[in-house]
């Protein structure tokens, strides 16, 4: 673990590197992160630095791609909603995570997360998604606590080594699991019409995932949500 001491040589100071397990403020985390090589990925969770592991194909990259396509379809059919992947989020003084993907309501449609002048998303998106292989203990431990504490209303974790998906909804200050229906589909409470066919996505059956997604987008609840978002925009 680094000492946090800046070494001085003449009039120049050397910024210490980020190291796994460092305890830092968000400002100091950003200062050190900006000085790291561009390929380095790190997060600040509950004031602790977590360095990213190499990304494997079956354990992370392919599942991540499947959910990105699912989010894209929902965003394309839902004006006022946006999604993003692998972006750093300023959540609080001790939390600056980098979720695998997020889905959020734009501020002009009533959402609280917004883009800052220096191009970070600030405040909680409505949905965060993590693909968890070797990172499962972090994603379901400190990161889950941090997401709940900062008001992320839904949190989806695909545990690739266990071949399972957990989808949580925030009730009060803690997460509860959203349950599958009799057909294996989970319905978002925050984003009406966002339906996930869990058995299909675990089998990487893109056609079945898309078919279920389209059913959700054609549902009455999604139609009502789109109208609600439009009303929010018009009322400003």
C-alpha atoms as a PDB file:
ATOM      1  CA  UNK A   1       0.000   0.000   0.000  1.00  0.00           C
ATOM      2  CA  UNK A   2       1.362   3.439  -0.834  1.00  0.00           C
ATOM      3  CA  UNK A   3       2.092   5.896   1.964  1.00  0.00           C
ATOM      4  CA  UNK A   4       0.264   8.827   0.406  1.00  0.00           C
ATOM      5  CA  UNK A   5       3.425  10.977   0.715  1.00  0.00           C
ATOM      6  CA  UNK A   6       4.323  13.123  -2.271  1.00  0.00           C
ATOM      7  CA  UNK A   7       8.047  12.959  -2.945  1.00  0.00           C
ATOM      8  CA  UNK A   8       9.657  16.303  -3.828  1.00  0.00           C
ATOM      9  CA  UNK A   9      12.629  16.584  -6.163  1.00  0.00           C
ATOM     10  CA  UNK A  10      13.768  20.173  -6.571  1.00  0.00           C
ATOM     11  CA  UNK A  11      10.659  22.191  -7.330  1.00  0.00           C
ATOM     12  CA  UNK A  12       8.768  19.287  -8.909  1.00  0.00           C
ATOM     13  CA  UNK A  13       6.500  16.913  -6.993  1.00  0.00           C
ATOM     14  CA  UNK A  14       5.786  13.372  -8.122  1.00  0.00           C
ATOM     15  CA  UNK A  15       2.200  12.223  -7.796  1.00  0.00           C
ATOM     16  CA  UNK A  16       2.059   8.819  -6.081  1.00  0.00           C
ATOM     17  CA  UNK A  17       0.566   6.020  -8.171  1.00  0.00           C
ATOM     18  CA  UNK A  18      -2.758   4.459  -7.339  1.00  0.00           C
ATOM     19  CA  UNK A  19      -2.388   1.154  -5.560  1.00  0.00           C
ATOM     20  CA  UNK A  20      -4.976  -1.431  -4.674  1.00  0.00           C
ATOM     21  CA  UNK A  21      -6.239  -0.868  -1.138  1.00  0.00           C
ATOM     22  CA  UNK A  22      -5.232   2.792  -0.838  1.00  0.00           C
ATOM     23  CA  UNK A  23      -7.592   4.832   1.347  1.00  0.00           C
ATOM     24  CA  UNK A  24      -8.119   8.191  -0.329  1.00  0.00           C
ATOM     25  CA  UNK A  25     -10.494  11.105  -0.586  1.00  0.00           C
ATOM     26  CA  UNK A  26     -12.308  11.445  -3.885  1.00  0.00           C
ATOM     27  CA  UNK A  27     -10.240  14.506  -4.838  1.00  0.00           C
ATOM     28  CA  UNK A  28      -6.962  12.701  -4.170  1.00  0.00           C
ATOM     29  CA  UNK A  29      -8.225   9.612  -6.016  1.00  0.00           C
ATOM     30  CA  UNK A  30      -8.988  11.736  -9.085  1.00  0.00           C
ATOM     31  CA  UNK A  31      -5.600  13.483  -8.889  1.00  0.00           C
ATOM     32  CA  UNK A  32      -3.701  10.204  -8.831  1.00  0.00           C
ATOM     33  CA  UNK A  33      -5.975   8.524 -11.379  1.00  0.00           C
ATOM     34  CA  UNK A  34      -5.411  11.348 -13.879  1.00  0.00           C
ATOM     35  CA  UNK A  35      -1.647  10.751 -13.616  1.00  0.00           C
ATOM     36  CA  UNK A  36      -1.863   6.997 -14.243  1.00  0.00           C
ATOM     37  CA  UNK A  37      -1.300   5.397 -17.669  1.00  0.00           C
ATOM     38  CA  UNK A  38      -4.420   5.521 -19.851  1.00  0.00           C
ATOM     39  CA  UNK A  39      -4.946   1.748 -19.825  1.00  0.00           C
ATOM     40  CA  UNK A  40      -5.251   1.608 -16.016  1.00  0.00           C
ATOM     41  CA  UNK A  41      -8.794   1.293 -14.601  1.00  0.00           C
ATOM     42  CA  UNK A  42      -9.607   1.922 -10.967  1.00  0.00           C
ATOM     43  CA  UNK A  43     -12.560   2.668  -8.714  1.00  0.00           C
ATOM     44  CA  UNK A  44     -13.037   4.318  -5.332  1.00  0.00           C
ATOM     45  CA  UNK A  45     -15.554   2.428  -3.183  1.00  0.00           C
ATOM     46  CA  UNK A  46     -16.206   3.473   0.425  1.00  0.00           C
ATOM     47  CA  UNK A  47     -12.926   5.390   0.328  1.00  0.00           C
ATOM     48  CA  UNK A  48     -10.867   2.377  -0.814  1.00  0.00           C
ATOM     49  CA  UNK A  49      -9.125   2.036  -4.187  1.00  0.00           C
ATOM     50  CA  UNK A  50      -9.853  -1.072  -6.261  1.00  0.00           C
ATOM     51  CA  UNK A  51      -7.710  -1.734  -9.318  1.00  0.00           C
ATOM     52  CA  UNK A  52      -9.339  -3.580 -12.201  1.00  0.00           C
ATOM     53  CA  UNK A  53      -8.293  -7.104 -13.184  1.00  0.00           C
ATOM     54  CA  UNK A  54      -7.748  -8.194 -16.815  1.00  0.00           C
ATOM     55  CA  UNK A  55     -11.035  -8.653 -18.684  1.00  0.00           C
ATOM     56  CA  UNK A  56     -11.616 -12.201 -19.922  1.00  0.00           C
ATOM     57  CA  UNK A  57     -13.822 -13.104 -22.871  1.00  0.00           C
ATOM     58  CA  UNK A  58     -16.311 -15.627 -21.446  1.00  0.00           C
ATOM     59  CA  UNK A  59     -16.138 -14.355 -17.878  1.00  0.00           C
ATOM     60  CA  UNK A  60     -16.849 -10.746 -18.749  1.00  0.00           C
ATOM     61  CA  UNK A  61     -16.642  -9.415 -22.303  1.00  0.00           C
ATOM     62  CA  UNK A  62     -19.313 -11.543 -24.012  1.00  0.00           C
ATOM     63  CA  UNK A  63     -21.884 -11.226 -21.198  1.00  0.00           C
ATOM     64  CA  UNK A  64     -21.224  -7.493 -21.073  1.00  0.00           C
ATOM     65  CA  UNK A  65     -21.925  -7.228 -24.787  1.00  0.00           C
ATOM     66  CA  UNK A  66     -25.247  -9.047 -24.459  1.00  0.00           C
ATOM     67  CA  UNK A  67     -26.521  -6.613 -21.836  1.00  0.00           C
ATOM     68  CA  UNK A  68     -25.288  -3.587 -23.762  1.00  0.00           C
ATOM     69  CA  UNK A  69     -27.460  -4.651 -26.713  1.00  0.00           C
ATOM     70  CA  UNK A  70     -30.432  -5.116 -24.373  1.00  0.00           C
ATOM     71  CA  UNK A  71     -29.969  -1.635 -22.907  1.00  0.00           C
ATOM     72  CA  UNK A  72     -29.548  -0.106 -26.357  1.00  0.00           C
ATOM     73  CA  UNK A  73     -32.926  -1.451 -27.489  1.00  0.00           C
ATOM     74  CA  UNK A  74     -34.639   0.023 -24.416  1.00  0.00           C
ATOM     75  CA  UNK A  75     -32.962   3.394 -24.743  1.00  0.00           C
ATOM     76  CA  UNK A  76     -33.795   3.624 -28.452  1.00  0.00           C
ATOM     77  CA  UNK A  77     -37.493   3.092 -27.701  1.00  0.00           C
ATOM     78  CA  UNK A  78     -37.670   5.367 -24.647  1.00  0.00           C
ATOM     79  CA  UNK A  79     -37.055   9.087 -25.285  1.00  0.00           C
ATOM     80  CA  UNK A  80     -35.617  10.746 -22.197  1.00  0.00           C
ATOM     81  CA  UNK A  81     -33.615   7.670 -21.139  1.00  0.00           C
ATOM     82  CA  UNK A  82     -29.918   7.176 -21.875  1.00  0.00           C
ATOM     83  CA  UNK A  83     -27.379   4.416 -21.289  1.00  0.00           C
ATOM     84  CA  UNK A  84     -23.595   4.377 -21.052  1.00  0.00           C
ATOM     85  CA  UNK A  85     -20.811   1.844 -20.557  1.00  0.00           C
ATOM     86  CA  UNK A  86     -17.620   1.874 -18.483  1.00  0.00           C
ATOM     87  CA  UNK A  87     -17.981   5.469 -17.337  1.00  0.00           C
ATOM     88  CA  UNK A  88     -16.729   6.851 -14.030  1.00  0.00           C
ATOM     89  CA  UNK A  89     -19.506   8.207 -11.790  1.00  0.00           C
ATOM     90  CA  UNK A  90     -19.075  10.729  -9.007  1.00  0.00           C
ATOM     91  CA  UNK A  91     -21.478   9.379  -6.418  1.00  0.00           C
ATOM     92  CA  UNK A  92     -20.229  10.824  -3.132  1.00  0.00           C
ATOM     93  CA  UNK A  93     -17.159  11.923  -1.205  1.00  0.00           C
ATOM     94  CA  UNK A  94     -15.895   8.333  -0.871  1.00  0.00           C
ATOM     95  CA  UNK A  95     -17.400   6.687  -3.950  1.00  0.00           C
ATOM     96  CA  UNK A  96     -16.336   7.026  -7.557  1.00  0.00           C
ATOM     97  CA  UNK A  97     -17.137   3.677  -9.226  1.00  0.00           C
ATOM     98  CA  UNK A  98     -16.971   2.654 -12.870  1.00  0.00           C
ATOM     99  CA  UNK A  99     -19.968   0.375 -13.529  1.00  0.00           C
ATOM    100  CA  UNK A 100     -19.924  -1.867 -16.566  1.00  0.00           C
ATOM    101  CA  UNK A 101     -23.089  -0.126 -17.772  1.00  0.00           C
ATOM    102  CA  UNK A 102     -25.802   2.205 -16.534  1.00  0.00           C
ATOM    103  CA  UNK A 103     -29.296   3.271 -17.565  1.00  0.00           C
ATOM    104  CA  UNK A 104     -30.565   6.655 -16.415  1.00  0.00           C
ATOM    105  CA  UNK A 105     -33.198   9.325 -16.958  1.00  0.00           C
ATOM    106  CA  UNK A 106     -31.813  12.518 -18.473  1.00  0.00           C
ATOM    107  CA  UNK A 107     -32.013  15.575 -16.188  1.00  0.00           C
ATOM    108  CA  UNK A 108     -34.336  17.451 -18.548  1.00  0.00           C
ATOM    109  CA  UNK A 109     -36.782  14.561 -18.102  1.00  0.00           C
ATOM    110  CA  UNK A 110     -36.577  14.556 -14.315  1.00  0.00           C
ATOM    111  CA  UNK A 111     -33.444  12.483 -13.686  1.00  0.00           C
ATOM    112  CA  UNK A 112     -30.875  13.506 -11.067  1.00  0.00           C
ATOM    113  CA  UNK A 113     -27.673  12.225 -12.725  1.00  0.00           C
ATOM    114  CA  UNK A 114     -26.061  14.786 -14.999  1.00  0.00           C
ATOM    115  CA  UNK A 115     -22.916  15.404 -17.008  1.00  0.00           C
ATOM    116  CA  UNK A 116     -20.376  17.747 -15.419  1.00  0.00           C
ATOM    117  CA  UNK A 117     -18.259  20.390 -17.150  1.00  0.00           C
ATOM    118  CA  UNK A 118     -15.260  18.066 -17.021  1.00  0.00           C
ATOM    119  CA  UNK A 119     -17.326  15.247 -18.575  1.00  0.00           C
ATOM    120  CA  UNK A 120     -18.117  12.969 -15.641  1.00  0.00           C
ATOM    121  CA  UNK A 121     -21.553  11.690 -14.676  1.00  0.00           C
ATOM    122  CA  UNK A 122     -22.455  12.990 -11.242  1.00  0.00           C
ATOM    123  CA  UNK A 123     -25.067  11.603  -8.837  1.00  0.00           C
ATOM    124  CA  UNK A 124     -26.872   8.303  -9.020  1.00  0.00           C
ATOM    125  CA  UNK A 125     -28.160   6.768 -12.241  1.00  0.00           C
ATOM    126  CA  UNK A 126     -31.368   4.782 -11.835  1.00  0.00           C
ATOM    127  CA  UNK A 127     -29.809   1.417 -12.818  1.00  0.00           C
ATOM    128  CA  UNK A 128     -26.229   0.139 -12.533  1.00  0.00           C
ATOM    129  CA  UNK A 129     -25.004  -3.159 -13.974  1.00  0.00           C
ATOM    130  CA  UNK A 130     -21.897  -5.167 -13.130  1.00  0.00           C
ATOM    131  CA  UNK A 131     -20.512  -8.310 -14.765  1.00  0.00           C
ATOM    132  CA  UNK A 132     -18.949 -10.173 -11.842  1.00  0.00           C
ATOM    133  CA  UNK A 133     -16.433 -12.977 -12.226  1.00  0.00           C
ATOM    134  CA  UNK A 134     -13.390 -12.477  -9.990  1.00  0.00           C
ATOM    135  CA  UNK A 135     -14.962  -9.202  -8.788  1.00  0.00           C
ATOM    136  CA  UNK A 136     -18.075 -10.829  -7.286  1.00  0.00           C
ATOM    137  CA  UNK A 137     -17.043 -10.282  -3.654  1.00  0.00           C
ATOM    138  CA  UNK A 138     -16.510  -6.582  -4.324  1.00  0.00           C
ATOM    139  CA  UNK A 139     -19.628  -6.137  -6.463  1.00  0.00           C
ATOM    140  CA  UNK A 140     -21.886  -7.834  -3.908  1.00  0.00           C
ATOM    141  CA  UNK A 141     -20.100  -6.393  -0.874  1.00  0.00           C
ATOM    142  CA  UNK A 142     -18.704  -2.854  -0.660  1.00  0.00           C
ATOM    143  CA  UNK A 143     -19.959  -1.774  -4.079  1.00  0.00           C
ATOM    144  CA  UNK A 144     -23.486  -2.954  -3.343  1.00  0.00           C
ATOM    145  CA  UNK A 145     -23.424  -1.040  -0.051  1.00  0.00           C
ATOM    146  CA  UNK A 146     -22.106   2.071  -1.768  1.00  0.00           C
ATOM    147  CA  UNK A 147     -24.714   1.914  -4.515  1.00  0.00           C
ATOM    148  CA  UNK A 148     -27.502   1.607  -1.954  1.00  0.00           C
ATOM    149  CA  UNK A 149     -26.111   4.400   0.222  1.00  0.00           C
ATOM    150  CA  UNK A 150     -25.918   6.731  -2.775  1.00  0.00           C
ATOM    151  CA  UNK A 151     -29.446   6.004  -4.003  1.00  0.00           C
ATOM    152  CA  UNK A 152     -28.967   3.863  -7.118  1.00  0.00           C
ATOM    153  CA  UNK A 153     -32.496   2.511  -7.348  1.00  0.00           C
ATOM    154  CA  UNK A 154     -31.779  -0.789  -9.153  1.00  0.00           C
ATOM    155  CA  UNK A 155     -28.639  -2.878  -9.352  1.00  0.00           C
ATOM    156  CA  UNK A 156     -28.097  -5.894 -11.613  1.00  0.00           C
ATOM    157  CA  UNK A 157     -25.173  -8.281 -11.118  1.00  0.00           C
ATOM    158  CA  UNK A 158     -24.429 -11.086 -13.584  1.00  0.00           C
ATOM    159  CA  UNK A 159     -22.284 -13.620 -11.699  1.00  0.00           C
ATOM    160  CA  UNK A 160     -20.653 -15.371 -14.636  1.00  0.00           C
ATOM    161  CA  UNK A 161     -18.762 -18.009 -12.634  1.00  0.00           C
ATOM    162  CA  UNK A 162     -22.009 -19.039 -10.909  1.00  0.00           C
ATOM    163  CA  UNK A 163     -24.103 -18.671 -14.066  1.00  0.00           C
ATOM    164  CA  UNK A 164     -26.722 -16.556 -12.283  1.00  0.00           C
ATOM    165  CA  UNK A 165     -28.150 -13.042 -12.228  1.00  0.00           C
ATOM    166  CA  UNK A 166     -29.191 -10.969  -9.216  1.00  0.00           C
ATOM    167  CA  UNK A 167     -31.357  -7.906  -9.793  1.00  0.00           C
ATOM    168  CA  UNK A 168     -31.968  -5.697  -6.768  1.00  0.00           C
ATOM    169  CA  UNK A 169     -34.365  -2.816  -6.137  1.00  0.00           C
ATOM    170  CA  UNK A 170     -33.766  -0.198  -3.461  1.00  0.00           C
ATOM    171  CA  UNK A 171     -36.413  -0.153  -0.739  1.00  0.00           C
ATOM    172  CA  UNK A 172     -35.682   2.409   1.919  1.00  0.00           C
ATOM    173  CA  UNK A 173     -31.928   2.220   2.407  1.00  0.00           C
ATOM    174  CA  UNK A 174     -31.333  -1.411   1.426  1.00  0.00           C
ATOM    175  CA  UNK A 175     -31.671  -3.662  -1.613  1.00  0.00           C
ATOM    176  CA  UNK A 176     -34.236  -6.401  -2.060  1.00  0.00           C
ATOM    177  CA  UNK A 177     -34.200  -8.959  -4.855  1.00  0.00           C
ATOM    178  CA  UNK A 178     -36.509  -8.651  -7.831  1.00  0.00           C
ATOM    179  CA  UNK A 179     -37.986 -12.066  -8.580  1.00  0.00           C
ATOM    180  CA  UNK A 180     -38.415 -13.841 -11.896  1.00  0.00           C
ATOM    181  CA  UNK A 181     -41.948 -14.562 -13.069  1.00  0.00           C
ATOM    182  CA  UNK A 182     -43.083 -18.073 -14.035  1.00  0.00           C
ATOM    183  CA  UNK A 183     -41.419 -17.744 -17.445  1.00  0.00           C
ATOM    184  CA  UNK A 184     -38.030 -16.698 -16.042  1.00  0.00           C
ATOM    185  CA  UNK A 185     -38.427 -13.001 -16.838  1.00  0.00           C
ATOM    186  CA  UNK A 186     -37.524 -10.145 -14.466  1.00  0.00           C
ATOM    187  CA  UNK A 187     -39.409  -6.861 -14.853  1.00  0.00           C
ATOM    188  CA  UNK A 188     -37.771  -3.606 -13.804  1.00  0.00           C
ATOM    189  CA  UNK A 189     -39.762  -1.507 -11.348  1.00  0.00           C
ATOM    190  CA  UNK A 190     -37.914   1.706 -12.170  1.00  0.00           C
ATOM    191  CA  UNK A 191     -37.958   1.382 -15.971  1.00  0.00           C
ATOM    192  CA  UNK A 192     -41.378   0.042 -17.014  1.00  0.00           C
ATOM    193  CA  UNK A 193     -41.107  -2.316 -19.972  1.00  0.00           C
ATOM    194  CA  UNK A 194     -37.474  -3.243 -19.287  1.00  0.00           C
ATOM    195  CA  UNK A 195     -37.805  -7.021 -19.235  1.00  0.00           C
ATOM    196  CA  UNK A 196     -34.946  -9.519 -19.024  1.00  0.00           C
ATOM    197  CA  UNK A 197     -35.329 -13.175 -19.989  1.00  0.00           C
ATOM    198  CA  UNK A 198     -32.867 -14.609 -17.475  1.00  0.00           C
ATOM    199  CA  UNK A 199     -32.569 -18.201 -18.799  1.00  0.00           C
ATOM    200  CA  UNK A 200     -32.077 -16.861 -22.328  1.00  0.00           C
ATOM    201  CA  UNK A 201     -29.421 -14.332 -21.401  1.00  0.00           C
ATOM    202  CA  UNK A 202     -27.492 -16.908 -19.358  1.00  0.00           C
ATOM    203  CA  UNK A 203     -27.491 -19.174 -22.412  1.00  0.00           C
ATOM    204  CA  UNK A 204     -26.406 -16.223 -24.612  1.00  0.00           C
ATOM    205  CA  UNK A 205     -29.583 -16.751 -26.671  1.00  0.00           C
ATOM    206  CA  UNK A 206     -29.749 -13.288 -28.199  1.00  0.00           C
ATOM    207  CA  UNK A 207     -32.876 -13.967 -30.237  1.00  0.00           C
ATOM    208  CA  UNK A 208     -34.894 -14.983 -27.186  1.00  0.00           C
ATOM    209  CA  UNK A 209     -33.543 -12.059 -25.147  1.00  0.00           C
ATOM    210  CA  UNK A 210     -34.542  -9.649 -27.896  1.00  0.00           C
ATOM    211  CA  UNK A 211     -38.000 -11.194 -28.282  1.00  0.00           C
ATOM    212  CA  UNK A 212     -38.706 -10.722 -24.572  1.00  0.00           C
ATOM    213  CA  UNK A 213     -37.289  -7.215 -24.692  1.00  0.00           C
ATOM    214  CA  UNK A 214     -39.637  -6.320 -27.545  1.00  0.00           C
ATOM    215  CA  UNK A 215     -42.607  -7.674 -25.582  1.00  0.00           C
ATOM    216  CA  UNK A 216     -41.702  -5.324 -22.756  1.00  0.00           C
ATOM    217  CA  UNK A 217     -41.360  -2.378 -25.122  1.00  0.00           C
ATOM    218  CA  UNK A 218     -44.820  -3.096 -26.530  1.00  0.00           C
ATOM    219  CA  UNK A 219     -46.412  -3.389 -23.086  1.00  0.00           C
ATOM    220  CA  UNK A 220     -48.971  -0.856 -21.795  1.00  0.00           C
ATOM    221  CA  UNK A 221     -46.689   0.065 -18.891  1.00  0.00           C
ATOM    222  CA  UNK A 222     -43.915   1.095 -21.279  1.00  0.00           C
ATOM    223  CA  UNK A 223     -46.358   3.172 -23.319  1.00  0.00           C
ATOM    224  CA  UNK A 224     -47.450   4.948 -20.145  1.00  0.00           C
ATOM    225  CA  UNK A 225     -43.843   5.545 -19.089  1.00  0.00           C
ATOM    226  CA  UNK A 226     -42.959   7.113 -22.436  1.00  0.00           C
ATOM    227  CA  UNK A 227     -45.965   9.426 -22.113  1.00  0.00           C
ATOM    228  CA  UNK A 228     -44.958  10.295 -18.538  1.00  0.00           C
ATOM    229  CA  UNK A 229     -41.426  11.195 -19.641  1.00  0.00           C
ATOM    230  CA  UNK A 230     -42.792  13.356 -22.452  1.00  0.00           C
ATOM    231  CA  UNK A 231     -44.993  15.161 -19.962  1.00  0.00           C
ATOM    232  CA  UNK A 232     -42.046  15.886 -17.721  1.00  0.00           C
ATOM    233  CA  UNK A 233     -40.128  17.395 -20.639  1.00  0.00           C
ATOM    234  CA  UNK A 234     -43.036  19.552 -21.759  1.00  0.00           C
ATOM    235  CA  UNK A 235     -43.649  20.920 -18.276  1.00  0.00           C
ATOM    236  CA  UNK A 236     -40.213  22.542 -17.972  1.00  0.00           C
END
